[in-house]
Each structure stands twice: as C-alpha cells, then as structure tokens.
C-alpha cells in the first residue's frame, strides 16, 4: 500500500506541475510551429534557395524555444520552491522532453522539403536556442524568458543576411561544423543545468 500511495502522489505531483506550467498549451504551440514550417516549405510561400529558406526554420526554432522557456514560469513562486523537493527533477525532465519533442516536430515539418542542413542541423539549432531561453528564464524570469531566443533570432537573421562566419551564430554554420555544435551544446547544457538547480527567477512583480 505505501508504494501505491507514493505512486499516486507522484502522479498527482506531475499532473499539477504540467498544469501549472501550461504544458498542454505549449505542446499545441509547438505543433502549430511545425505545421507552419511544413506548409511554408510544401506550398513554397518563400523562394527556394534564397536567404529566406534558411531564415524561416531559424524563426520557427526561436519561436519554439520561446514557448519552452516560458513554461519555466511558476505561478506559485517561493511557496513552491520551499515545499517541492522534486522540482529539480521535474524541471529537468520537462526541459529535456519538450526539447526532444520540438526536434521531432520541426524535423517532421521539414521532412518533405529536404532542407540543406537536415535533421542534424535541426537538433543543433533547437537545442542551442532552447538553452538560451532557459538561461534567460534563470536570469530575468520565466515570464520574460522569450526575450533571449528572440534577441538571438534577430542576431542570427542579421548574420545570415551578411554571411557572417562565426561558430557562436550556429544557425548560419554547416551541420557538421564542430565549433557551432560545441557552442550550441554548451548553451543547452548551461541552460538546462541552471534551470534545473535554480529554476526561473522570481521577480517582485511575479
């Protein structure tokens, strides 16, 4: 009986965490981004081979990262931090699971278009920009965490337009670029570790 009670309590905790972070809404938004990418590439909303062909996936990847970052916001604040010893595990699991789901959805949305970078490019770009979103959540709060991915999006779009060649702007690098992969990995690992240990910053207004 105790094990059954523990399992039921754990299940209820997960459900409450998912509901408080609006995970179902986030999943719907992630699916929507994937559908927009698929429609844009399938129906040729943008000219193939031009800069916009590369910029559109970057735009949607930044959008999905913003969605994931905002799910770190807690409406309960300090009381939850004081009583939730399982919070670090839930934060870590949610961040990794949503990142994996996003990679799958974006890859599925682009599968018919044969994007130059392929799935490897999607994994690197999504993971890296999600890491930026999680870092933003830890520094400025979950409610404003979308600012990090959007700022990086603007910088990336400018870099693509001007043909920059720097590994810390990984969306503009080839999929097998080791330096770009390293920077994206570091961003994701740093963001995941920080959000797992500290959670999103609770500002006075929240």
N, C-alpha and C. Protein backbone atom coordinates (compact mmCIF):
# COMPACT_ATOMS: atom_id res chain seq x y z
N UNK A 1 0.80 -1.22 0.00
CA UNK A 1 0.00 0.00 0.00
C UNK A 1 0.84 1.28 0.00
N UNK A 2 1.92 1.37 0.81
CA UNK A 2 2.71 2.59 0.78
C UNK A 2 3.25 2.91 -0.61
N UNK A 3 3.71 1.84 -1.34
CA UNK A 3 4.25 2.09 -2.67
C UNK A 3 3.17 2.61 -3.60
N UNK A 4 1.95 2.05 -3.48
CA UNK A 4 0.83 2.53 -4.30
C UNK A 4 0.52 4.00 -3.96
N UNK A 5 0.56 4.32 -2.68
CA UNK A 5 0.31 5.70 -2.27
C UNK A 5 1.37 6.65 -2.79
N UNK A 6 2.62 6.21 -2.77
CA UNK A 6 3.71 7.04 -3.28
C UNK A 6 3.56 7.27 -4.78
N UNK A 7 3.16 6.20 -5.49
CA UNK A 7 2.98 6.32 -6.94
C UNK A 7 1.84 7.28 -7.27
N UNK A 8 0.76 7.19 -6.51
CA UNK A 8 -0.38 8.08 -6.74
C UNK A 8 -0.01 9.52 -6.44
N UNK A 9 0.75 9.73 -5.36
CA UNK A 9 1.18 11.09 -5.01
C UNK A 9 2.12 11.65 -6.07
N UNK A 10 3.02 10.78 -6.56
CA UNK A 10 3.94 11.23 -7.59
C UNK A 10 3.22 11.58 -8.88
N UNK A 11 2.22 10.76 -9.23
CA UNK A 11 1.44 11.04 -10.44
C UNK A 11 0.68 12.35 -10.31
N UNK A 12 0.12 12.60 -9.14
CA UNK A 12 -0.61 13.85 -8.92
C UNK A 12 0.32 15.04 -8.98
N UNK A 13 1.53 14.90 -8.44
CA UNK A 13 2.51 15.98 -8.49
C UNK A 13 2.87 16.33 -9.93
N UNK A 14 3.08 15.30 -10.74
CA UNK A 14 3.42 15.54 -12.15
C UNK A 14 2.28 16.24 -12.86
N UNK A 15 1.04 15.79 -12.60
CA UNK A 15 -0.12 16.42 -13.25
C UNK A 15 -0.24 17.89 -12.85
N UNK A 16 -0.04 18.17 -11.57
CA UNK A 16 -0.13 19.55 -11.12
C UNK A 16 0.98 20.41 -11.73
N UNK A 17 2.17 19.84 -11.83
CA UNK A 17 3.29 20.58 -12.42
C UNK A 17 3.01 20.89 -13.89
N UNK A 18 2.54 19.88 -14.62
CA UNK A 18 2.23 20.05 -16.04
C UNK A 18 1.15 21.11 -16.23
N UNK A 19 0.13 21.08 -15.38
CA UNK A 19 -0.95 22.06 -15.50
C UNK A 19 -0.48 23.46 -15.15
N UNK A 20 0.32 23.59 -14.08
CA UNK A 20 0.76 24.92 -13.65
C UNK A 20 1.70 25.56 -14.66
N UNK A 21 2.42 24.75 -15.39
CA UNK A 21 3.36 25.28 -16.40
C UNK A 21 2.71 25.39 -17.78
N UNK A 22 1.44 25.08 -17.88
CA UNK A 22 0.70 25.18 -19.15
C UNK A 22 1.36 24.35 -20.25
N UNK A 23 1.81 23.16 -19.88
CA UNK A 23 2.48 22.28 -20.85
C UNK A 23 1.56 21.90 -22.01
N UNK A 24 0.27 21.57 -21.77
CA UNK A 24 -0.59 21.25 -22.92
C UNK A 24 -0.69 22.39 -23.93
N UNK A 25 -0.78 23.62 -23.43
CA UNK A 25 -0.82 24.78 -24.33
C UNK A 25 0.49 24.89 -25.10
N UNK A 26 1.60 24.66 -24.41
CA UNK A 26 2.91 24.72 -25.06
C UNK A 26 3.02 23.67 -26.16
N UNK A 27 2.54 22.47 -25.89
CA UNK A 27 2.58 21.41 -26.90
C UNK A 27 1.77 21.80 -28.13
N UNK A 28 0.61 22.41 -27.90
CA UNK A 28 -0.20 22.87 -29.02
C UNK A 28 0.54 23.91 -29.86
N UNK A 29 1.25 24.84 -29.18
CA UNK A 29 2.01 25.86 -29.90
C UNK A 29 3.16 25.24 -30.68
N UNK A 30 3.82 24.23 -30.11
CA UNK A 30 4.92 23.56 -30.80
C UNK A 30 4.42 22.84 -32.05
N UNK A 31 3.28 22.18 -31.94
CA UNK A 31 2.68 21.52 -33.10
C UNK A 31 2.34 22.55 -34.17
N UNK A 32 1.80 23.71 -33.73
CA UNK A 32 1.47 24.77 -34.68
C UNK A 32 2.68 25.26 -35.44
N UNK A 33 3.80 25.43 -34.76
CA UNK A 33 5.04 25.86 -35.43
C UNK A 33 5.48 24.84 -36.47
N UNK A 34 5.36 23.57 -36.14
CA UNK A 34 5.73 22.51 -37.08
C UNK A 34 4.84 22.55 -38.32
N UNK A 35 3.55 22.77 -38.12
CA UNK A 35 2.61 22.82 -39.25
C UNK A 35 2.88 24.03 -40.13
N UNK A 36 3.22 25.16 -39.50
CA UNK A 36 3.53 26.35 -40.29
C UNK A 36 4.76 26.11 -41.15
N UNK A 37 5.79 25.49 -40.57
CA UNK A 37 7.00 25.19 -41.33
C UNK A 37 6.69 24.26 -42.49
N UNK A 38 5.91 23.21 -42.22
CA UNK A 38 5.57 22.26 -43.28
C UNK A 38 4.80 22.94 -44.40
N UNK A 39 3.82 23.77 -44.04
CA UNK A 39 3.01 24.45 -45.05
C UNK A 39 3.86 25.42 -45.87
N UNK A 40 4.73 26.18 -45.19
CA UNK A 40 5.55 27.17 -45.89
C UNK A 40 6.50 26.52 -46.88
N UNK A 41 7.06 25.38 -46.51
CA UNK A 41 8.01 24.71 -47.39
C UNK A 41 7.30 23.89 -48.48
N UNK A 42 6.17 23.30 -48.10
CA UNK A 42 5.43 22.46 -49.06
C UNK A 42 4.77 23.29 -50.14
N UNK A 43 4.22 24.43 -49.75
CA UNK A 43 3.48 25.27 -50.70
C UNK A 43 4.28 26.45 -51.22
N UNK A 44 5.58 26.45 -50.90
CA UNK A 44 6.51 27.44 -51.46
C UNK A 44 6.07 28.88 -51.18
N UNK A 45 5.79 29.15 -49.90
CA UNK A 45 5.46 30.52 -49.52
C UNK A 45 6.67 31.43 -49.66
N UNK A 46 7.85 30.84 -49.66
CA UNK A 46 9.07 31.63 -49.81
C UNK A 46 9.89 31.03 -50.95
N UNK A 47 10.69 31.84 -51.65
CA UNK A 47 11.50 31.33 -52.75
C UNK A 47 12.53 30.32 -52.26
N UNK A 48 12.65 29.19 -52.93
CA UNK A 48 13.63 28.19 -52.53
C UNK A 48 15.03 28.63 -52.93
N UNK A 49 15.99 28.31 -52.07
CA UNK A 49 17.38 28.62 -52.37
C UNK A 49 17.84 29.99 -51.92
N UNK A 50 16.92 30.88 -51.53
CA UNK A 50 17.31 32.21 -51.07
C UNK A 50 17.54 32.24 -49.57
N UNK A 51 17.91 33.41 -49.06
CA UNK A 51 18.16 33.52 -47.62
C UNK A 51 16.93 33.17 -46.77
N UNK A 52 15.73 33.47 -47.28
CA UNK A 52 14.53 33.20 -46.50
C UNK A 52 14.32 31.71 -46.27
N UNK A 53 14.82 30.87 -47.17
CA UNK A 53 14.70 29.43 -46.98
C UNK A 53 15.44 29.00 -45.73
N UNK A 54 16.53 29.64 -45.42
CA UNK A 54 17.30 29.35 -44.21
C UNK A 54 16.75 30.09 -43.01
N UNK A 55 16.19 31.28 -43.24
CA UNK A 55 15.74 32.12 -42.13
C UNK A 55 14.44 31.63 -41.52
N UNK A 56 13.54 31.05 -42.34
CA UNK A 56 12.26 30.61 -41.80
C UNK A 56 12.41 29.53 -40.73
N UNK A 57 13.20 28.47 -40.97
CA UNK A 57 13.39 27.50 -39.88
C UNK A 57 13.99 28.12 -38.63
N UNK A 58 14.92 29.07 -38.80
CA UNK A 58 15.52 29.73 -37.63
C UNK A 58 14.44 30.50 -36.87
N UNK A 59 13.55 31.17 -37.60
CA UNK A 59 12.46 31.91 -36.97
C UNK A 59 11.57 30.99 -36.14
N UNK A 60 11.20 29.86 -36.72
CA UNK A 60 10.30 28.93 -36.01
C UNK A 60 11.03 28.22 -34.87
N UNK A 61 12.31 27.95 -35.04
CA UNK A 61 13.08 27.35 -33.94
C UNK A 61 13.16 28.30 -32.75
N UNK A 62 13.34 29.58 -33.03
CA UNK A 62 13.36 30.57 -31.94
C UNK A 62 11.99 30.67 -31.29
N UNK A 63 10.93 30.54 -32.10
CA UNK A 63 9.58 30.56 -31.54
C UNK A 63 9.32 29.39 -30.62
N UNK A 64 9.75 28.21 -31.02
CA UNK A 64 9.55 27.04 -30.17
C UNK A 64 10.38 27.14 -28.89
N UNK A 65 11.59 27.68 -29.01
CA UNK A 65 12.43 27.86 -27.82
C UNK A 65 11.79 28.83 -26.84
N UNK A 66 11.15 29.87 -27.37
CA UNK A 66 10.46 30.83 -26.51
C UNK A 66 9.32 30.16 -25.76
N UNK A 67 8.59 29.29 -26.47
CA UNK A 67 7.48 28.56 -25.84
C UNK A 67 8.01 27.70 -24.69
N UNK A 68 9.09 26.97 -24.94
CA UNK A 68 9.66 26.10 -23.91
C UNK A 68 10.16 26.92 -22.73
N UNK A 69 10.82 28.03 -23.00
CA UNK A 69 11.37 28.86 -21.92
C UNK A 69 10.26 29.41 -21.03
N UNK A 70 9.16 29.82 -21.62
CA UNK A 70 8.06 30.42 -20.84
C UNK A 70 7.42 29.38 -19.92
N UNK A 71 7.50 28.10 -20.27
CA UNK A 71 6.92 27.07 -19.39
C UNK A 71 7.66 26.94 -18.06
N UNK A 72 8.80 27.60 -17.94
CA UNK A 72 9.53 27.55 -16.67
C UNK A 72 8.91 28.47 -15.63
N UNK A 73 8.02 29.36 -16.06
CA UNK A 73 7.40 30.30 -15.12
C UNK A 73 6.48 29.57 -14.16
N UNK A 74 6.62 29.88 -12.88
CA UNK A 74 5.77 29.28 -11.85
C UNK A 74 4.82 30.32 -11.29
N UNK A 75 3.51 30.05 -11.27
CA UNK A 75 2.57 30.99 -10.68
C UNK A 75 2.57 30.97 -9.16
N UNK A 76 3.30 30.01 -8.56
CA UNK A 76 3.26 29.85 -7.10
C UNK A 76 4.46 30.46 -6.39
N UNK A 77 5.54 30.69 -7.12
CA UNK A 77 6.68 31.39 -6.54
C UNK A 77 7.37 30.65 -5.42
N UNK A 78 7.75 31.39 -4.40
CA UNK A 78 8.56 30.86 -3.30
C UNK A 78 7.91 29.72 -2.53
N UNK A 79 6.58 29.72 -2.28
CA UNK A 79 6.00 28.57 -1.57
C UNK A 79 6.26 27.24 -2.27
N UNK A 80 6.22 27.25 -3.58
CA UNK A 80 6.50 26.02 -4.32
C UNK A 80 7.96 25.62 -4.14
N UNK A 81 8.86 26.58 -4.18
CA UNK A 81 10.28 26.28 -4.01
C UNK A 81 10.55 25.67 -2.63
N UNK A 82 9.84 26.15 -1.64
CA UNK A 82 10.09 25.70 -0.27
C UNK A 82 9.56 24.29 -0.01
N UNK A 83 8.53 23.89 -0.74
CA UNK A 83 7.89 22.60 -0.45
C UNK A 83 8.13 21.54 -1.51
N UNK A 84 8.67 21.94 -2.65
CA UNK A 84 8.77 20.98 -3.76
C UNK A 84 10.16 20.40 -3.92
N UNK A 85 10.47 19.34 -3.20
CA UNK A 85 11.82 18.76 -3.31
C UNK A 85 12.02 18.03 -4.63
N UNK A 86 10.91 17.73 -5.32
CA UNK A 86 11.02 17.06 -6.62
C UNK A 86 11.10 18.05 -7.77
N UNK A 87 11.06 19.33 -7.46
CA UNK A 87 11.06 20.34 -8.51
C UNK A 87 12.25 20.24 -9.47
N UNK A 88 13.48 20.08 -8.97
CA UNK A 88 14.60 19.98 -9.92
C UNK A 88 14.43 18.86 -10.95
N UNK A 89 13.91 17.71 -10.51
CA UNK A 89 13.71 16.60 -11.44
C UNK A 89 12.63 16.93 -12.47
N UNK A 90 11.58 17.60 -12.02
CA UNK A 90 10.50 17.98 -12.93
C UNK A 90 10.96 19.04 -13.92
N UNK A 91 11.77 19.98 -13.44
CA UNK A 91 12.30 21.00 -14.34
C UNK A 91 13.17 20.36 -15.42
N UNK A 92 14.08 19.48 -14.97
CA UNK A 92 14.98 18.83 -15.92
C UNK A 92 14.20 17.99 -16.93
N UNK A 93 13.28 17.17 -16.43
CA UNK A 93 12.52 16.30 -17.31
C UNK A 93 11.70 17.07 -18.31
N UNK A 94 11.08 18.16 -17.85
CA UNK A 94 10.26 18.97 -18.75
C UNK A 94 11.10 19.63 -19.83
N UNK A 95 12.23 20.21 -19.46
CA UNK A 95 13.09 20.88 -20.43
C UNK A 95 13.60 19.91 -21.49
N UNK A 96 14.08 18.75 -21.05
CA UNK A 96 14.63 17.78 -21.99
C UNK A 96 13.53 17.18 -22.86
N UNK A 97 12.38 16.85 -22.25
CA UNK A 97 11.29 16.25 -23.02
C UNK A 97 10.75 17.22 -24.06
N UNK A 98 10.52 18.47 -23.69
CA UNK A 98 9.99 19.43 -24.65
C UNK A 98 10.99 19.72 -25.76
N UNK A 99 12.28 19.73 -25.42
CA UNK A 99 13.30 19.93 -26.45
C UNK A 99 13.29 18.76 -27.44
N UNK A 100 13.21 17.54 -26.93
CA UNK A 100 13.16 16.38 -27.81
C UNK A 100 11.92 16.39 -28.69
N UNK A 101 10.77 16.74 -28.10
CA UNK A 101 9.53 16.82 -28.88
C UNK A 101 9.65 17.88 -29.97
N UNK A 102 10.25 19.01 -29.63
CA UNK A 102 10.41 20.08 -30.61
C UNK A 102 11.29 19.65 -31.77
N UNK A 103 12.40 18.97 -31.47
CA UNK A 103 13.27 18.48 -32.53
C UNK A 103 12.50 17.55 -33.46
N UNK A 104 11.70 16.66 -32.88
CA UNK A 104 10.92 15.75 -33.69
C UNK A 104 9.89 16.46 -34.55
N UNK A 105 9.20 17.45 -33.97
CA UNK A 105 8.17 18.17 -34.71
C UNK A 105 8.75 19.02 -35.83
N UNK A 106 9.84 19.74 -35.54
CA UNK A 106 10.46 20.58 -36.57
C UNK A 106 11.03 19.70 -37.68
N UNK A 107 11.64 18.59 -37.32
CA UNK A 107 12.17 17.67 -38.33
C UNK A 107 11.04 17.12 -39.19
N UNK A 108 9.92 16.77 -38.55
CA UNK A 108 8.78 16.27 -39.31
C UNK A 108 8.21 17.35 -40.22
N UNK A 109 8.19 18.59 -39.75
CA UNK A 109 7.68 19.67 -40.57
C UNK A 109 8.55 19.96 -41.79
N UNK A 110 9.84 19.65 -41.69
CA UNK A 110 10.76 19.95 -42.78
C UNK A 110 11.11 18.72 -43.61
N UNK A 111 10.54 17.57 -43.29
CA UNK A 111 10.99 16.32 -43.91
C UNK A 111 10.78 16.30 -45.41
N UNK A 112 9.71 16.92 -45.90
CA UNK A 112 9.42 16.86 -47.33
C UNK A 112 10.20 17.90 -48.12
N UNK A 113 10.81 18.85 -47.43
CA UNK A 113 11.47 19.95 -48.12
C UNK A 113 12.96 19.71 -48.34
N UNK A 114 13.50 18.71 -47.65
CA UNK A 114 14.93 18.39 -47.78
C UNK A 114 15.80 19.62 -47.53
N UNK A 115 15.64 20.20 -46.35
CA UNK A 115 16.46 21.36 -46.00
C UNK A 115 17.94 20.99 -46.05
N UNK A 116 18.80 21.93 -46.46
CA UNK A 116 20.22 21.61 -46.64
C UNK A 116 20.89 21.01 -45.42
N UNK A 117 20.55 21.51 -44.23
CA UNK A 117 21.20 21.02 -43.03
C UNK A 117 20.69 19.69 -42.53
N UNK A 118 19.47 19.34 -42.89
CA UNK A 118 18.89 18.08 -42.46
C UNK A 118 18.59 18.04 -40.97
N UNK A 119 18.36 16.84 -40.45
CA UNK A 119 17.97 16.66 -39.05
C UNK A 119 19.06 17.09 -38.09
N UNK A 120 20.33 16.89 -38.45
CA UNK A 120 21.43 17.28 -37.57
C UNK A 120 21.43 18.78 -37.32
N UNK A 121 21.11 19.54 -38.36
CA UNK A 121 21.03 20.99 -38.23
C UNK A 121 19.90 21.38 -37.28
N UNK A 122 18.77 20.69 -37.39
CA UNK A 122 17.62 20.97 -36.54
C UNK A 122 17.96 20.69 -35.07
N UNK A 123 18.59 19.56 -34.80
CA UNK A 123 18.97 19.20 -33.43
C UNK A 123 19.87 20.27 -32.83
N UNK A 124 20.89 20.66 -33.54
CA UNK A 124 21.84 21.66 -33.03
C UNK A 124 21.16 23.00 -32.79
N UNK A 125 20.40 23.47 -33.78
CA UNK A 125 19.80 24.79 -33.67
C UNK A 125 18.74 24.86 -32.57
N UNK A 126 17.89 23.84 -32.51
CA UNK A 126 16.83 23.83 -31.49
C UNK A 126 17.44 23.75 -30.10
N UNK A 127 18.36 22.81 -29.90
CA UNK A 127 18.97 22.65 -28.58
C UNK A 127 19.68 23.92 -28.14
N UNK A 128 20.42 24.54 -29.04
CA UNK A 128 21.16 25.74 -28.68
C UNK A 128 20.26 26.90 -28.28
N UNK A 129 19.23 27.15 -29.07
CA UNK A 129 18.36 28.29 -28.78
C UNK A 129 17.45 28.01 -27.59
N UNK A 130 17.11 26.74 -27.35
CA UNK A 130 16.39 26.40 -26.13
C UNK A 130 17.27 26.70 -24.91
N UNK A 131 18.55 26.36 -25.02
CA UNK A 131 19.48 26.68 -23.94
C UNK A 131 19.51 28.17 -23.64
N UNK A 132 19.48 29.00 -24.68
CA UNK A 132 19.44 30.45 -24.47
C UNK A 132 18.16 30.86 -23.76
N UNK A 133 17.04 30.22 -24.14
CA UNK A 133 15.78 30.52 -23.48
C UNK A 133 15.79 30.14 -22.01
N UNK A 134 16.37 28.99 -21.69
CA UNK A 134 16.44 28.56 -20.29
C UNK A 134 17.37 29.45 -19.48
N UNK A 135 18.46 29.87 -20.08
CA UNK A 135 19.36 30.82 -19.40
C UNK A 135 18.63 32.14 -19.13
N UNK A 136 17.85 32.57 -20.09
CA UNK A 136 17.08 33.81 -19.91
C UNK A 136 16.09 33.66 -18.77
N UNK A 137 15.43 32.50 -18.69
CA UNK A 137 14.47 32.27 -17.61
C UNK A 137 15.14 32.34 -16.25
N UNK A 138 16.34 31.78 -16.16
CA UNK A 138 17.05 31.79 -14.88
C UNK A 138 17.54 33.18 -14.51
N UNK A 139 17.80 34.02 -15.51
CA UNK A 139 18.37 35.34 -15.24
C UNK A 139 17.30 36.42 -15.09
N UNK A 140 16.30 36.43 -15.99
CA UNK A 140 15.32 37.53 -15.98
C UNK A 140 13.91 37.06 -15.66
N UNK A 141 13.70 35.76 -15.47
CA UNK A 141 12.38 35.26 -15.11
C UNK A 141 11.68 34.56 -16.26
N UNK A 142 10.84 33.57 -15.91
CA UNK A 142 10.16 32.79 -16.93
C UNK A 142 9.22 33.61 -17.79
N UNK A 143 8.56 34.60 -17.20
CA UNK A 143 7.61 35.40 -17.95
C UNK A 143 8.25 36.23 -19.05
N UNK A 144 9.53 36.56 -18.90
CA UNK A 144 10.25 37.36 -19.89
C UNK A 144 11.31 36.56 -20.64
N UNK A 145 11.32 35.27 -20.43
CA UNK A 145 12.40 34.45 -20.98
C UNK A 145 12.40 34.38 -22.50
N UNK A 146 11.28 34.73 -23.13
CA UNK A 146 11.22 34.73 -24.60
C UNK A 146 12.16 35.77 -25.20
N UNK A 147 12.57 36.75 -24.39
CA UNK A 147 13.44 37.80 -24.91
C UNK A 147 14.76 37.24 -25.41
N UNK A 148 15.32 36.25 -24.70
CA UNK A 148 16.61 35.67 -25.09
C UNK A 148 16.57 35.04 -26.48
N UNK A 149 15.66 34.07 -26.73
CA UNK A 149 15.59 33.48 -28.07
C UNK A 149 15.28 34.49 -29.18
N UNK A 150 14.40 35.47 -28.88
CA UNK A 150 14.06 36.45 -29.92
C UNK A 150 15.26 37.34 -30.23
N UNK A 151 16.00 37.74 -29.20
CA UNK A 151 17.19 38.55 -29.43
C UNK A 151 18.22 37.77 -30.25
N UNK A 152 18.37 36.48 -29.92
CA UNK A 152 19.30 35.65 -30.67
C UNK A 152 18.81 35.46 -32.11
N UNK A 153 17.48 35.38 -32.29
CA UNK A 153 16.91 35.28 -33.63
C UNK A 153 17.29 36.49 -34.47
N UNK A 154 17.13 37.69 -33.90
CA UNK A 154 17.46 38.91 -34.64
C UNK A 154 18.94 38.91 -35.03
N UNK A 155 19.79 38.52 -34.10
CA UNK A 155 21.22 38.47 -34.38
C UNK A 155 21.52 37.43 -35.47
N UNK A 156 20.86 36.28 -35.39
CA UNK A 156 21.08 35.22 -36.38
C UNK A 156 20.62 35.64 -37.77
N UNK A 157 19.44 36.29 -37.84
CA UNK A 157 18.94 36.74 -39.13
C UNK A 157 19.91 37.75 -39.75
N UNK A 158 20.44 38.64 -38.93
CA UNK A 158 21.41 39.61 -39.43
C UNK A 158 22.68 38.91 -39.91
N UNK A 159 23.10 37.89 -39.16
CA UNK A 159 24.31 37.15 -39.54
C UNK A 159 24.11 36.41 -40.85
N UNK A 160 22.91 35.83 -41.04
CA UNK A 160 22.64 35.11 -42.28
C UNK A 160 22.63 36.07 -43.46
N UNK A 161 22.00 37.23 -43.26
CA UNK A 161 21.92 38.22 -44.34
C UNK A 161 23.31 38.72 -44.74
N UNK A 162 24.20 38.82 -43.77
CA UNK A 162 25.52 39.39 -44.02
C UNK A 162 26.63 38.35 -44.11
N UNK A 163 26.23 37.08 -44.16
CA UNK A 163 27.18 35.98 -44.37
C UNK A 163 28.30 35.98 -43.34
N UNK A 164 27.93 36.16 -42.06
CA UNK A 164 28.93 36.03 -41.01
C UNK A 164 29.43 34.59 -40.95
N UNK A 165 30.62 34.41 -40.46
CA UNK A 165 31.19 33.06 -40.32
C UNK A 165 31.76 32.92 -38.92
N UNK A 166 30.89 32.75 -37.95
CA UNK A 166 31.34 32.61 -36.57
C UNK A 166 30.57 31.47 -35.90
N UNK A 167 31.24 30.61 -35.13
CA UNK A 167 30.57 29.43 -34.58
C UNK A 167 29.51 29.74 -33.54
N UNK A 168 29.55 30.91 -32.90
CA UNK A 168 28.53 31.19 -31.90
C UNK A 168 27.22 31.66 -32.51
N UNK A 169 27.20 31.86 -33.83
CA UNK A 169 25.94 32.03 -34.57
C UNK A 169 25.72 30.72 -35.32
N UNK A 170 25.35 29.68 -34.59
CA UNK A 170 25.31 28.35 -35.18
C UNK A 170 24.28 28.15 -36.29
N UNK A 171 23.14 28.87 -36.33
CA UNK A 171 22.21 28.64 -37.44
C UNK A 171 22.81 28.95 -38.81
N UNK A 172 23.88 29.75 -38.84
CA UNK A 172 24.50 30.14 -40.10
C UNK A 172 25.65 29.21 -40.49
N UNK A 173 25.89 28.17 -39.69
CA UNK A 173 27.01 27.29 -39.94
C UNK A 173 26.54 25.95 -40.52
N UNK A 174 27.40 25.24 -41.27
CA UNK A 174 27.03 23.92 -41.80
C UNK A 174 26.74 22.94 -40.67
N UNK A 175 25.93 21.91 -40.93
CA UNK A 175 25.53 20.99 -39.86
C UNK A 175 26.67 20.24 -39.20
N UNK A 176 27.79 20.04 -39.90
CA UNK A 176 28.92 19.29 -39.34
C UNK A 176 30.01 20.21 -38.79
N UNK A 177 29.71 21.49 -38.60
CA UNK A 177 30.67 22.43 -38.05
C UNK A 177 30.86 22.12 -36.57
N UNK A 178 32.07 21.70 -36.19
CA UNK A 178 32.33 21.29 -34.81
C UNK A 178 32.23 22.46 -33.84
N UNK A 179 32.72 23.63 -34.23
CA UNK A 179 32.66 24.79 -33.35
C UNK A 179 31.23 25.21 -33.07
N UNK A 180 30.39 25.23 -34.10
CA UNK A 180 28.99 25.60 -33.92
C UNK A 180 28.28 24.59 -33.02
N UNK A 181 28.56 23.30 -33.23
CA UNK A 181 27.95 22.27 -32.40
C UNK A 181 28.37 22.42 -30.94
N UNK A 182 29.63 22.78 -30.72
CA UNK A 182 30.13 22.96 -29.36
C UNK A 182 29.42 24.12 -28.66
N UNK A 183 29.29 25.26 -29.35
CA UNK A 183 28.63 26.42 -28.75
C UNK A 183 27.16 26.12 -28.45
N UNK A 184 26.48 25.46 -29.38
CA UNK A 184 25.07 25.12 -29.16
C UNK A 184 24.92 24.14 -28.00
N UNK A 185 25.81 23.17 -27.92
CA UNK A 185 25.77 22.19 -26.83
C UNK A 185 26.01 22.87 -25.49
N UNK A 186 27.01 23.75 -25.44
CA UNK A 186 27.30 24.47 -24.19
C UNK A 186 26.11 25.31 -23.75
N UNK A 187 25.45 25.95 -24.70
CA UNK A 187 24.27 26.77 -24.36
C UNK A 187 23.17 25.90 -23.78
N UNK A 188 22.92 24.74 -24.40
CA UNK A 188 21.85 23.86 -23.92
C UNK A 188 22.19 23.28 -22.55
N UNK A 189 23.41 22.81 -22.38
CA UNK A 189 23.81 22.21 -21.10
C UNK A 189 23.76 23.26 -19.99
N UNK A 190 24.29 24.46 -20.26
CA UNK A 190 24.29 25.52 -19.24
C UNK A 190 22.86 25.91 -18.87
N UNK A 191 22.01 26.07 -19.87
CA UNK A 191 20.63 26.44 -19.59
C UNK A 191 19.89 25.37 -18.82
N UNK A 192 20.08 24.11 -19.20
CA UNK A 192 19.40 23.01 -18.53
C UNK A 192 19.86 22.86 -17.09
N UNK A 193 21.16 22.94 -16.87
CA UNK A 193 21.70 22.82 -15.52
C UNK A 193 21.20 23.96 -14.63
N UNK A 194 21.25 25.18 -15.16
CA UNK A 194 20.84 26.33 -14.35
C UNK A 194 19.36 26.30 -14.01
N UNK A 195 18.52 25.94 -14.99
CA UNK A 195 17.09 25.91 -14.72
C UNK A 195 16.73 24.74 -13.81
N UNK A 196 17.50 23.64 -13.89
CA UNK A 196 17.25 22.50 -13.01
C UNK A 196 17.57 22.84 -11.57
N UNK A 197 18.71 23.48 -11.35
CA UNK A 197 19.18 23.77 -9.99
C UNK A 197 18.44 24.95 -9.38
N UNK A 198 18.27 26.01 -10.15
CA UNK A 198 17.73 27.26 -9.60
C UNK A 198 16.28 27.53 -9.98
N UNK A 199 15.84 26.99 -11.10
CA UNK A 199 14.52 27.34 -11.60
C UNK A 199 14.53 28.73 -12.20
N UNK A 200 13.39 29.19 -12.68
CA UNK A 200 13.31 30.52 -13.24
C UNK A 200 13.33 31.56 -12.14
N UNK A 201 13.88 32.70 -12.46
CA UNK A 201 13.97 33.78 -11.47
C UNK A 201 12.58 34.31 -11.15
N UNK A 202 12.31 34.50 -9.86
CA UNK A 202 11.04 35.07 -9.43
C UNK A 202 11.24 36.56 -9.18
N UNK A 203 10.66 37.37 -10.07
CA UNK A 203 10.77 38.82 -9.91
C UNK A 203 9.70 39.30 -8.91
N UNK A 204 9.91 40.49 -8.38
CA UNK A 204 8.99 41.03 -7.38
C UNK A 204 7.57 41.15 -7.93
N UNK A 205 7.45 41.48 -9.23
CA UNK A 205 6.13 41.63 -9.83
C UNK A 205 5.38 40.31 -9.94
N UNK A 206 6.11 39.21 -9.88
CA UNK A 206 5.50 37.89 -10.00
C UNK A 206 5.18 37.31 -8.65
